[in-house]
mmCIF file of all heavy atoms, coordinates in Angstrom:
data_MODEL
# 
_entry.id   MODEL 
# 
loop_
_atom_site.group_PDB 
_atom_site.id 
_atom_site.type_symbol 
_atom_site.label_atom_id 
_atom_site.label_alt_id 
_atom_site.label_comp_id 
_atom_site.label_asym_id 
_atom_site.label_entity_id 
_atom_site.label_seq_id 
_atom_site.pdbx_PDB_ins_code 
_atom_site.Cartn_x 
_atom_site.Cartn_y 
_atom_site.Cartn_z 
_atom_site.occupancy 
_atom_site.B_iso_or_equiv 
_atom_site.pdbx_formal_charge 
_atom_site.auth_seq_id 
_atom_site.auth_comp_id 
_atom_site.auth_asym_id 
_atom_site.auth_atom_id 
_atom_site.pdbx_PDB_model_num 
ATOM 1   N N   . LEU A 1 1  ? 27.017 -23.969 40.634 1.00 0.00 ? 1  LEU A N   1 
ATOM 2   C CA  . LEU A 1 1  ? 25.818 -23.409 41.316 1.00 0.00 ? 1  LEU A CA  1 
ATOM 3   C C   . LEU A 1 1  ? 24.613 -24.246 40.975 1.00 0.00 ? 1  LEU A C   1 
ATOM 4   O O   . LEU A 1 1  ? 23.844 -24.550 41.877 1.00 0.00 ? 1  LEU A O   1 
ATOM 5   C CB  . LEU A 1 1  ? 25.657 -21.983 40.842 1.00 0.00 ? 1  LEU A CB  1 
ATOM 6   C CG  . LEU A 1 1  ? 24.349 -21.276 41.279 1.00 0.00 ? 1  LEU A CG  1 
ATOM 7   C CD1 . LEU A 1 1  ? 24.223 -21.290 42.820 1.00 0.00 ? 1  LEU A CD1 1 
ATOM 8   C CD2 . LEU A 1 1  ? 24.307 -19.840 40.758 1.00 0.00 ? 1  LEU A CD2 1 
ATOM 9   N N   . ALA A 1 2  ? 24.426 -24.649 39.725 1.00 0.00 ? 2  ALA A N   1 
ATOM 10  C CA  . ALA A 1 2  ? 23.265 -25.430 39.365 1.00 0.00 ? 2  ALA A CA  1 
ATOM 11  C C   . ALA A 1 2  ? 23.270 -26.813 40.089 1.00 0.00 ? 2  ALA A C   1 
ATOM 12  O O   . ALA A 1 2  ? 22.280 -27.285 40.605 1.00 0.00 ? 2  ALA A O   1 
ATOM 13  C CB  . ALA A 1 2  ? 23.274 -25.701 37.856 1.00 0.00 ? 2  ALA A CB  1 
ATOM 14  N N   . ASP A 1 3  ? 24.477 -27.381 40.213 1.00 0.00 ? 3  ASP A N   1 
ATOM 15  C CA  . ASP A 1 3  ? 24.614 -28.682 40.910 1.00 0.00 ? 3  ASP A CA  1 
ATOM 16  C C   . ASP A 1 3  ? 24.254 -28.524 42.399 1.00 0.00 ? 3  ASP A C   1 
ATOM 17  O O   . ASP A 1 3  ? 23.537 -29.410 42.921 1.00 0.00 ? 3  ASP A O   1 
ATOM 18  C CB  . ASP A 1 3  ? 25.991 -29.235 40.779 1.00 0.00 ? 3  ASP A CB  1 
ATOM 19  C CG  . ASP A 1 3  ? 26.373 -29.646 39.340 1.00 0.00 ? 3  ASP A CG  1 
ATOM 20  O OD1 . ASP A 1 3  ? 25.403 -29.779 38.568 1.00 0.00 ? 3  ASP A OD1 1 
ATOM 21  O OD2 . ASP A 1 3  ? 27.549 -29.762 39.059 1.00 0.00 ? 3  ASP A OD2 1 
ATOM 22  N N   . ASP A 1 4  ? 24.694 -27.510 43.020 1.00 0.00 ? 4  ASP A N   1 
ATOM 23  C CA  . ASP A 1 4  ? 24.342 -27.325 44.491 1.00 0.00 ? 4  ASP A CA  1 
ATOM 24  C C   . ASP A 1 4  ? 22.893 -27.055 44.685 1.00 0.00 ? 4  ASP A C   1 
ATOM 25  O O   . ASP A 1 4  ? 22.299 -27.557 45.673 1.00 0.00 ? 4  ASP A O   1 
ATOM 26  C CB  . ASP A 1 4  ? 25.221 -26.161 45.041 1.00 0.00 ? 4  ASP A CB  1 
ATOM 27  C CG  . ASP A 1 4  ? 26.122 -26.700 46.194 1.00 0.00 ? 4  ASP A CG  1 
ATOM 28  O OD1 . ASP A 1 4  ? 26.121 -27.916 46.422 1.00 0.00 ? 4  ASP A OD1 1 
ATOM 29  O OD2 . ASP A 1 4  ? 26.861 -25.895 46.793 1.00 0.00 ? 4  ASP A OD2 1 
ATOM 30  N N   . LEU A 1 5  ? 22.283 -26.289 43.780 1.00 0.00 ? 5  LEU A N   1 
ATOM 31  C CA  . LEU A 1 5  ? 20.830 -26.083 43.903 1.00 0.00 ? 5  LEU A CA  1 
ATOM 32  C C   . LEU A 1 5  ? 20.073 -27.404 43.656 1.00 0.00 ? 5  LEU A C   1 
ATOM 33  O O   . LEU A 1 5  ? 19.037 -27.660 44.307 1.00 0.00 ? 5  LEU A O   1 
ATOM 34  C CB  . LEU A 1 5  ? 20.395 -25.040 42.837 1.00 0.00 ? 5  LEU A CB  1 
ATOM 35  C CG  . LEU A 1 5  ? 20.789 -23.573 43.169 1.00 0.00 ? 5  LEU A CG  1 
ATOM 36  C CD1 . LEU A 1 5  ? 20.543 -22.636 41.947 1.00 0.00 ? 5  LEU A CD1 1 
ATOM 37  C CD2 . LEU A 1 5  ? 19.987 -23.034 44.398 1.00 0.00 ? 5  LEU A CD2 1 
ATOM 38  N N   . GLY A 1 6  ? 20.618 -28.266 42.775 1.00 0.00 ? 6  GLY A N   1 
ATOM 39  C CA  . GLY A 1 6  ? 19.999 -29.558 42.598 1.00 0.00 ? 6  GLY A CA  1 
ATOM 40  C C   . GLY A 1 6  ? 20.114 -30.408 43.848 1.00 0.00 ? 6  GLY A C   1 
ATOM 41  O O   . GLY A 1 6  ? 19.150 -31.138 44.214 1.00 0.00 ? 6  GLY A O   1 
ATOM 42  N N   . ARG A 1 7  ? 21.207 -30.344 44.520 1.00 0.00 ? 7  ARG A N   1 
ATOM 43  C CA  . ARG A 1 7  ? 21.391 -31.093 45.751 1.00 0.00 ? 7  ARG A CA  1 
ATOM 44  C C   . ARG A 1 7  ? 20.426 -30.626 46.802 1.00 0.00 ? 7  ARG A C   1 
ATOM 45  O O   . ARG A 1 7  ? 19.825 -31.434 47.576 1.00 0.00 ? 7  ARG A O   1 
ATOM 46  C CB  . ARG A 1 7  ? 22.863 -30.969 46.261 1.00 0.00 ? 7  ARG A CB  1 
ATOM 47  C CG  . ARG A 1 7  ? 23.880 -31.605 45.368 1.00 0.00 ? 7  ARG A CG  1 
ATOM 48  C CD  . ARG A 1 7  ? 25.289 -31.529 45.998 1.00 0.00 ? 7  ARG A CD  1 
ATOM 49  N NE  . ARG A 1 7  ? 26.297 -32.047 45.095 1.00 0.00 ? 7  ARG A NE  1 
ATOM 50  C CZ  . ARG A 1 7  ? 26.981 -31.275 44.259 1.00 0.00 ? 7  ARG A CZ  1 
ATOM 51  N NH1 . ARG A 1 7  ? 26.763 -29.960 44.231 1.00 0.00 ? 7  ARG A NH1 1 
ATOM 52  N NH2 . ARG A 1 7  ? 27.883 -31.798 43.447 1.00 0.00 ? 7  ARG A NH2 1 
ATOM 53  N N   . PHE A 1 8  ? 20.234 -29.309 46.857 1.00 0.00 ? 8  PHE A N   1 
ATOM 54  C CA  . PHE A 1 8  ? 19.280 -28.771 47.843 1.00 0.00 ? 8  PHE A CA  1 
ATOM 55  C C   . PHE A 1 8  ? 17.836 -29.283 47.535 1.00 0.00 ? 8  PHE A C   1 
ATOM 56  O O   . PHE A 1 8  ? 17.127 -29.691 48.429 1.00 0.00 ? 8  PHE A O   1 
ATOM 57  C CB  . PHE A 1 8  ? 19.299 -27.223 47.786 1.00 0.00 ? 8  PHE A CB  1 
ATOM 58  C CG  . PHE A 1 8  ? 18.230 -26.622 48.624 1.00 0.00 ? 8  PHE A CG  1 
ATOM 59  C CD1 . PHE A 1 8  ? 18.338 -26.484 50.021 1.00 0.00 ? 8  PHE A CD1 1 
ATOM 60  C CD2 . PHE A 1 8  ? 17.035 -26.113 48.028 1.00 0.00 ? 8  PHE A CD2 1 
ATOM 61  C CE1 . PHE A 1 8  ? 17.349 -25.917 50.792 1.00 0.00 ? 8  PHE A CE1 1 
ATOM 62  C CE2 . PHE A 1 8  ? 16.064 -25.526 48.792 1.00 0.00 ? 8  PHE A CE2 1 
ATOM 63  C CZ  . PHE A 1 8  ? 16.184 -25.419 50.145 1.00 0.00 ? 8  PHE A CZ  1 
ATOM 64  N N   . LEU A 1 9  ? 17.467 -29.241 46.267 1.00 0.00 ? 9  LEU A N   1 
ATOM 65  C CA  . LEU A 1 9  ? 16.147 -29.707 45.869 1.00 0.00 ? 9  LEU A CA  1 
ATOM 66  C C   . LEU A 1 9  ? 15.910 -31.223 46.165 1.00 0.00 ? 9  LEU A C   1 
ATOM 67  O O   . LEU A 1 9  ? 14.824 -31.636 46.493 1.00 0.00 ? 9  LEU A O   1 
ATOM 68  C CB  . LEU A 1 9  ? 15.914 -29.423 44.385 1.00 0.00 ? 9  LEU A CB  1 
ATOM 69  C CG  . LEU A 1 9  ? 15.699 -27.953 43.991 1.00 0.00 ? 9  LEU A CG  1 
ATOM 70  C CD1 . LEU A 1 9  ? 15.746 -27.764 42.494 1.00 0.00 ? 9  LEU A CD1 1 
ATOM 71  C CD2 . LEU A 1 9  ? 14.362 -27.442 44.559 1.00 0.00 ? 9  LEU A CD2 1 
ATOM 72  N N   . ASP A 1 10 ? 17.042 -31.970 46.052 1.00 0.00 ? 10 ASP A N   1 
ATOM 73  C CA  . ASP A 1 10 ? 16.937 -33.420 46.276 1.00 0.00 ? 10 ASP A CA  1 
ATOM 74  C C   . ASP A 1 10 ? 17.102 -33.827 47.744 1.00 0.00 ? 10 ASP A C   1 
ATOM 75  O O   . ASP A 1 10 ? 17.013 -34.993 48.074 1.00 0.00 ? 10 ASP A O   1 
ATOM 76  C CB  . ASP A 1 10 ? 18.012 -34.140 45.435 1.00 0.00 ? 10 ASP A CB  1 
ATOM 77  C CG  . ASP A 1 10 ? 17.809 -33.979 43.942 1.00 0.00 ? 10 ASP A CG  1 
ATOM 78  O OD1 . ASP A 1 10 ? 16.625 -33.702 43.556 1.00 0.00 ? 10 ASP A OD1 1 
ATOM 79  O OD2 . ASP A 1 10 ? 18.814 -34.207 43.188 1.00 0.00 ? 10 ASP A OD2 1 
ATOM 80  N N   . GLY A 1 11 ? 17.377 -32.786 48.619 1.00 0.00 ? 11 GLY A N   1 
ATOM 81  C CA  . GLY A 1 11 ? 17.508 -33.090 49.990 1.00 0.00 ? 11 GLY A CA  1 
ATOM 82  C C   . GLY A 1 11 ? 18.868 -33.703 50.343 1.00 0.00 ? 11 GLY A C   1 
ATOM 83  O O   . GLY A 1 11 ? 19.041 -34.283 51.424 1.00 0.00 ? 11 GLY A O   1 
ATOM 84  N N   . ARG A 1 12 ? 19.881 -33.521 49.441 1.00 0.00 ? 12 ARG A N   1 
ATOM 85  C CA  . ARG A 1 12 ? 21.213 -34.035 49.687 1.00 0.00 ? 12 ARG A CA  1 
ATOM 86  C C   . ARG A 1 12 ? 22.097 -32.963 50.249 1.00 0.00 ? 12 ARG A C   1 
ATOM 87  O O   . ARG A 1 12 ? 21.831 -31.719 50.105 1.00 0.00 ? 12 ARG A O   1 
ATOM 88  C CB  . ARG A 1 12 ? 21.806 -34.608 48.389 1.00 0.00 ? 12 ARG A CB  1 
ATOM 89  C CG  . ARG A 1 12 ? 21.093 -35.801 47.858 1.00 0.00 ? 12 ARG A CG  1 
ATOM 90  C CD  . ARG A 1 12 ? 21.737 -36.317 46.553 1.00 0.00 ? 12 ARG A CD  1 
ATOM 91  N NE  . ARG A 1 12 ? 21.430 -35.402 45.450 1.00 0.00 ? 12 ARG A NE  1 
ATOM 92  C CZ  . ARG A 1 12 ? 22.396 -34.998 44.584 1.00 0.00 ? 12 ARG A CZ  1 
ATOM 93  N NH1 . ARG A 1 12 ? 23.633 -35.388 44.763 1.00 0.00 ? 12 ARG A NH1 1 
ATOM 94  N NH2 . ARG A 1 12 ? 22.055 -34.195 43.551 1.00 0.00 ? 12 ARG A NH2 1 
ATOM 95  N N   . PRO A 1 13 ? 23.184 -33.299 50.873 1.00 0.00 ? 13 PRO A N   1 
ATOM 96  C CA  . PRO A 1 13 ? 24.117 -32.288 51.431 1.00 0.00 ? 13 PRO A CA  1 
ATOM 97  C C   . PRO A 1 13 ? 24.728 -31.393 50.326 1.00 0.00 ? 13 PRO A C   1 
ATOM 98  O O   . PRO A 1 13 ? 25.086 -31.936 49.236 1.00 0.00 ? 13 PRO A O   1 
ATOM 99  C CB  . PRO A 1 13 ? 25.205 -33.108 52.086 1.00 0.00 ? 13 PRO A CB  1 
ATOM 100 C CG  . PRO A 1 13 ? 24.590 -34.432 52.365 1.00 0.00 ? 13 PRO A CG  1 
ATOM 101 C CD  . PRO A 1 13 ? 23.616 -34.683 51.264 1.00 0.00 ? 13 PRO A CD  1 
ATOM 102 N N   . ILE A 1 14 ? 24.754 -30.145 50.486 1.00 0.00 ? 14 ILE A N   1 
ATOM 103 C CA  . ILE A 1 14 ? 25.342 -29.266 49.510 1.00 0.00 ? 14 ILE A CA  1 
ATOM 104 C C   . ILE A 1 14 ? 26.844 -29.218 49.678 1.00 0.00 ? 14 ILE A C   1 
ATOM 105 O O   . ILE A 1 14 ? 27.364 -29.531 50.780 1.00 0.00 ? 14 ILE A O   1 
ATOM 106 C CB  . ILE A 1 14 ? 24.698 -27.841 49.591 1.00 0.00 ? 14 ILE A CB  1 
ATOM 107 C CG1 . ILE A 1 14 ? 25.065 -27.203 50.981 1.00 0.00 ? 14 ILE A CG1 1 
ATOM 108 C CG2 . ILE A 1 14 ? 23.211 -27.871 49.366 1.00 0.00 ? 14 ILE A CG2 1 
ATOM 109 C CD1 . ILE A 1 14 ? 24.675 -25.742 51.040 1.00 0.00 ? 14 ILE A CD1 1 
ATOM 110 N N   . LEU A 1 15 ? 27.574 -28.771 48.646 1.00 0.00 ? 15 LEU A N   1 
ATOM 111 C CA  . LEU A 1 15 ? 29.024 -28.682 48.719 1.00 0.00 ? 15 LEU A CA  1 
ATOM 112 C C   . LEU A 1 15 ? 29.496 -27.369 49.333 1.00 0.00 ? 15 LEU A C   1 
ATOM 113 O O   . LEU A 1 15 ? 30.550 -27.284 49.892 1.00 0.00 ? 15 LEU A O   1 
ATOM 114 C CB  . LEU A 1 15 ? 29.662 -28.887 47.358 1.00 0.00 ? 15 LEU A CB  1 
ATOM 115 C CG  . LEU A 1 15 ? 29.448 -30.247 46.703 1.00 0.00 ? 15 LEU A CG  1 
ATOM 116 C CD1 . LEU A 1 15 ? 30.192 -30.349 45.416 1.00 0.00 ? 15 LEU A CD1 1 
ATOM 117 C CD2 . LEU A 1 15 ? 29.859 -31.374 47.621 1.00 0.00 ? 15 LEU A CD2 1 
ATOM 118 N N   . ALA A 1 16 ? 28.661 -26.308 49.186 1.00 0.00 ? 16 ALA A N   1 
ATOM 119 C CA  . ALA A 1 16 ? 29.048 -25.010 49.740 1.00 0.00 ? 16 ALA A CA  1 
ATOM 120 C C   . ALA A 1 16 ? 29.070 -25.070 51.268 1.00 0.00 ? 16 ALA A C   1 
ATOM 121 O O   . ALA A 1 16 ? 28.264 -25.774 51.855 1.00 0.00 ? 16 ALA A O   1 
ATOM 122 C CB  . ALA A 1 16 ? 28.024 -23.913 49.301 1.00 0.00 ? 16 ALA A CB  1 
ATOM 123 N N   . ARG A 1 17 ? 29.977 -24.349 51.863 1.00 0.00 ? 17 ARG A N   1 
ATOM 124 C CA  . ARG A 1 17 ? 30.063 -24.356 53.292 1.00 0.00 ? 17 ARG A CA  1 
ATOM 125 C C   . ARG A 1 17 ? 29.924 -22.921 53.807 1.00 0.00 ? 17 ARG A C   1 
ATOM 126 O O   . ARG A 1 17 ? 30.329 -21.967 53.128 1.00 0.00 ? 17 ARG A O   1 
ATOM 127 C CB  . ARG A 1 17 ? 31.376 -24.928 53.756 1.00 0.00 ? 17 ARG A CB  1 
ATOM 128 C CG  . ARG A 1 17 ? 31.489 -26.436 53.540 1.00 0.00 ? 17 ARG A CG  1 
ATOM 129 C CD  . ARG A 1 17 ? 30.569 -27.167 54.433 1.00 0.00 ? 17 ARG A CD  1 
ATOM 130 N NE  . ARG A 1 17 ? 30.557 -28.589 54.158 1.00 0.00 ? 17 ARG A NE  1 
ATOM 131 C CZ  . ARG A 1 17 ? 29.670 -29.200 53.381 1.00 0.00 ? 17 ARG A CZ  1 
ATOM 132 N NH1 . ARG A 1 17 ? 28.759 -28.500 52.851 1.00 0.00 ? 17 ARG A NH1 1 
ATOM 133 N NH2 . ARG A 1 17 ? 29.720 -30.487 53.230 1.00 0.00 ? 17 ARG A NH2 1 
ATOM 134 N N   . ARG A 1 18 ? 29.317 -22.785 54.966 1.00 0.00 ? 18 ARG A N   1 
ATOM 135 C CA  . ARG A 1 18 ? 29.151 -21.441 55.533 1.00 0.00 ? 18 ARG A CA  1 
ATOM 136 C C   . ARG A 1 18 ? 30.539 -20.799 55.763 1.00 0.00 ? 18 ARG A C   1 
ATOM 137 O O   . ARG A 1 18 ? 31.458 -21.471 56.122 1.00 0.00 ? 18 ARG A O   1 
ATOM 138 C CB  . ARG A 1 18 ? 28.395 -21.540 56.837 1.00 0.00 ? 18 ARG A CB  1 
ATOM 139 C CG  . ARG A 1 18 ? 26.910 -21.984 56.708 1.00 0.00 ? 18 ARG A CG  1 
ATOM 140 C CD  . ARG A 1 18 ? 26.180 -21.610 57.971 1.00 0.00 ? 18 ARG A CD  1 
ATOM 141 N NE  . ARG A 1 18 ? 26.070 -20.166 58.102 1.00 0.00 ? 18 ARG A NE  1 
ATOM 142 C CZ  . ARG A 1 18 ? 25.723 -19.572 59.242 1.00 0.00 ? 18 ARG A CZ  1 
ATOM 143 N NH1 . ARG A 1 18 ? 25.479 -20.287 60.323 1.00 0.00 ? 18 ARG A NH1 1 
ATOM 144 N NH2 . ARG A 1 18 ? 25.567 -18.264 59.325 1.00 0.00 ? 18 ARG A NH2 1 
ATOM 145 N N   . MET A 1 19 ? 30.554 -19.473 55.571 1.00 0.00 ? 19 MET A N   1 
ATOM 146 C CA  . MET A 1 19 ? 31.805 -18.818 55.806 1.00 0.00 ? 19 MET A CA  1 
ATOM 147 C C   . MET A 1 19 ? 32.173 -18.862 57.288 1.00 0.00 ? 19 MET A C   1 
ATOM 148 O O   . MET A 1 19 ? 31.268 -18.643 58.130 1.00 0.00 ? 19 MET A O   1 
ATOM 149 C CB  . MET A 1 19 ? 31.575 -17.317 55.353 1.00 0.00 ? 19 MET A CB  1 
ATOM 150 C CG  . MET A 1 19 ? 32.866 -16.499 55.246 1.00 0.00 ? 19 MET A CG  1 
ATOM 151 S SD  . MET A 1 19 ? 32.480 -14.812 54.662 1.00 0.00 ? 19 MET A SD  1 
ATOM 152 C CE  . MET A 1 19 ? 31.692 -15.201 53.100 1.00 0.00 ? 19 MET A CE  1 
ATOM 153 N N   . PRO A 1 20 ? 33.376 -19.120 57.625 1.00 0.00 ? 20 PRO A N   1 
ATOM 154 C CA  . PRO A 1 20 ? 33.813 -19.200 59.061 1.00 0.00 ? 20 PRO A CA  1 
ATOM 155 C C   . PRO A 1 20 ? 33.609 -17.809 59.717 1.00 0.00 ? 20 PRO A C   1 
ATOM 156 O O   . PRO A 1 20 ? 33.598 -16.779 59.101 1.00 0.00 ? 20 PRO A O   1 
ATOM 157 C CB  . PRO A 1 20 ? 35.276 -19.596 58.995 1.00 0.00 ? 20 PRO A CB  1 
ATOM 158 C CG  . PRO A 1 20 ? 35.718 -19.206 57.608 1.00 0.00 ? 20 PRO A CG  1 
ATOM 159 C CD  . PRO A 1 20 ? 34.550 -19.391 56.727 1.00 0.00 ? 20 PRO A CD  1 
ATOM 160 N N   . TRP A 1 21 ? 33.483 -17.866 61.086 1.00 0.00 ? 21 TRP A N   1 
ATOM 161 C CA  . TRP A 1 21 ? 33.119 -16.647 61.794 1.00 0.00 ? 21 TRP A CA  1 
ATOM 162 C C   . TRP A 1 21 ? 34.154 -15.571 61.639 1.00 0.00 ? 21 TRP A C   1 
ATOM 163 O O   . TRP A 1 21 ? 33.870 -14.385 61.539 1.00 0.00 ? 21 TRP A O   1 
ATOM 164 C CB  . TRP A 1 21 ? 32.941 -16.993 63.298 1.00 0.00 ? 21 TRP A CB  1 
ATOM 165 C CG  . TRP A 1 21 ? 34.259 -17.417 63.965 1.00 0.00 ? 21 TRP A CG  1 
ATOM 166 C CD1 . TRP A 1 21 ? 34.705 -18.692 64.123 1.00 0.00 ? 21 TRP A CD1 1 
ATOM 167 C CD2 . TRP A 1 21 ? 35.248 -16.517 64.542 1.00 0.00 ? 21 TRP A CD2 1 
ATOM 168 N NE1 . TRP A 1 21 ? 35.944 -18.662 64.797 1.00 0.00 ? 21 TRP A NE1 1 
ATOM 169 C CE2 . TRP A 1 21 ? 36.243 -17.422 65.045 1.00 0.00 ? 21 TRP A CE2 1 
ATOM 170 C CE3 . TRP A 1 21 ? 35.324 -15.170 64.722 1.00 0.00 ? 21 TRP A CE3 1 
ATOM 171 C CZ2 . TRP A 1 21 ? 37.390 -16.838 65.688 1.00 0.00 ? 21 TRP A CZ2 1 
ATOM 172 C CZ3 . TRP A 1 21 ? 36.452 -14.649 65.347 1.00 0.00 ? 21 TRP A CZ3 1 
ATOM 173 C CH2 . TRP A 1 21 ? 37.443 -15.493 65.837 1.00 0.00 ? 21 TRP A CH2 1 
ATOM 174 N N   . TRP A 1 22 ? 35.432 -15.995 61.532 1.00 0.00 ? 22 TRP A N   1 
ATOM 175 C CA  . TRP A 1 22 ? 36.488 -14.974 61.460 1.00 0.00 ? 22 TRP A CA  1 
ATOM 176 C C   . TRP A 1 22 ? 36.459 -14.277 60.109 1.00 0.00 ? 22 TRP A C   1 
ATOM 177 O O   . TRP A 1 22 ? 36.742 -13.078 60.021 1.00 0.00 ? 22 TRP A O   1 
ATOM 178 C CB  . TRP A 1 22 ? 37.858 -15.638 61.669 1.00 0.00 ? 22 TRP A CB  1 
ATOM 179 C CG  . TRP A 1 22 ? 38.152 -16.784 60.805 1.00 0.00 ? 22 TRP A CG  1 
ATOM 180 C CD1 . TRP A 1 22 ? 37.958 -18.120 61.145 1.00 0.00 ? 22 TRP A CD1 1 
ATOM 181 C CD2 . TRP A 1 22 ? 38.698 -16.807 59.453 1.00 0.00 ? 22 TRP A CD2 1 
ATOM 182 N NE1 . TRP A 1 22 ? 38.326 -18.950 60.094 1.00 0.00 ? 22 TRP A NE1 1 
ATOM 183 C CE2 . TRP A 1 22 ? 38.787 -18.143 59.072 1.00 0.00 ? 22 TRP A CE2 1 
ATOM 184 C CE3 . TRP A 1 22 ? 39.093 -15.790 58.618 1.00 0.00 ? 22 TRP A CE3 1 
ATOM 185 C CZ2 . TRP A 1 22 ? 39.262 -18.486 57.787 1.00 0.00 ? 22 TRP A CZ2 1 
ATOM 186 C CZ3 . TRP A 1 22 ? 39.598 -16.123 57.362 1.00 0.00 ? 22 TRP A CZ3 1 
ATOM 187 C CH2 . TRP A 1 22 ? 39.667 -17.475 56.973 1.00 0.00 ? 22 TRP A CH2 1 
ATOM 188 N N   . GLU A 1 23 ? 36.030 -14.969 59.016 1.00 0.00 ? 23 GLU A N   1 
ATOM 189 C CA  . GLU A 1 23 ? 35.933 -14.356 57.730 1.00 0.00 ? 23 GLU A CA  1 
ATOM 190 C C   . GLU A 1 23 ? 34.705 -13.453 57.692 1.00 0.00 ? 23 GLU A C   1 
ATOM 191 O O   . GLU A 1 23 ? 34.757 -12.299 57.111 1.00 0.00 ? 23 GLU A O   1 
ATOM 192 C CB  . GLU A 1 23 ? 35.800 -15.418 56.611 1.00 0.00 ? 23 GLU A CB  1 
ATOM 193 C CG  . GLU A 1 23 ? 35.582 -14.851 55.219 1.00 0.00 ? 23 GLU A CG  1 
ATOM 194 C CD  . GLU A 1 23 ? 36.733 -13.921 54.802 1.00 0.00 ? 23 GLU A CD  1 
ATOM 195 O OE1 . GLU A 1 23 ? 37.879 -14.089 55.234 1.00 0.00 ? 23 GLU A OE1 1 
ATOM 196 O OE2 . GLU A 1 23 ? 36.420 -12.991 53.996 1.00 0.00 ? 23 GLU A OE2 1 
ATOM 197 N N   . ARG A 1 24 ? 33.591 -13.851 58.312 1.00 0.00 ? 24 ARG A N   1 
ATOM 198 C CA  . ARG A 1 24 ? 32.417 -12.948 58.378 1.00 0.00 ? 24 ARG A CA  1 
ATOM 199 C C   . ARG A 1 24 ? 32.774 -11.710 59.148 1.00 0.00 ? 24 ARG A C   1 
ATOM 200 O O   . ARG A 1 24 ? 32.319 -10.604 58.823 1.00 0.00 ? 24 ARG A O   1 
ATOM 201 C CB  . ARG A 1 24 ? 31.257 -13.711 59.053 1.00 0.00 ? 24 ARG A CB  1 
ATOM 202 C CG  . ARG A 1 24 ? 30.742 -14.838 58.192 1.00 0.00 ? 24 ARG A CG  1 
ATOM 203 C CD  . ARG A 1 24 ? 29.342 -15.249 58.659 1.00 0.00 ? 24 ARG A CD  1 
ATOM 204 N NE  . ARG A 1 24 ? 29.235 -15.660 60.059 1.00 0.00 ? 24 ARG A NE  1 
ATOM 205 C CZ  . ARG A 1 24 ? 29.461 -16.869 60.480 1.00 0.00 ? 24 ARG A CZ  1 
ATOM 206 N NH1 . ARG A 1 24 ? 29.747 -17.838 59.625 1.00 0.00 ? 24 ARG A NH1 1 
ATOM 207 N NH2 . ARG A 1 24 ? 29.384 -17.117 61.778 1.00 0.00 ? 24 ARG A NH2 1 
ATOM 208 N N   . SER A 1 25 ? 33.532 -11.852 60.279 1.00 0.00 ? 25 SER A N   1 
ATOM 209 C CA  . SER A 1 25 ? 33.921 -10.689 61.059 1.00 0.00 ? 25 SER A CA  1 
ATOM 210 C C   . SER A 1 25 ? 34.835 -9.752  60.264 1.00 0.00 ? 25 SER A C   1 
ATOM 211 O O   . SER A 1 25 ? 34.636 -8.490  60.270 1.00 0.00 ? 25 SER A O   1 
ATOM 212 C CB  . SER A 1 25 ? 34.678 -11.135 62.316 1.00 0.00 ? 25 SER A CB  1 
ATOM 213 O OG  . SER A 1 25 ? 33.860 -11.967 63.113 1.00 0.00 ? 25 SER A OG  1 
# 
């Protein structure tokens, strides 16, 4: 989690991916 927040702060692509639509449904 700390690493992904660091990527966001640095403007780099994060590793987390949005949940697919079928999983959200």
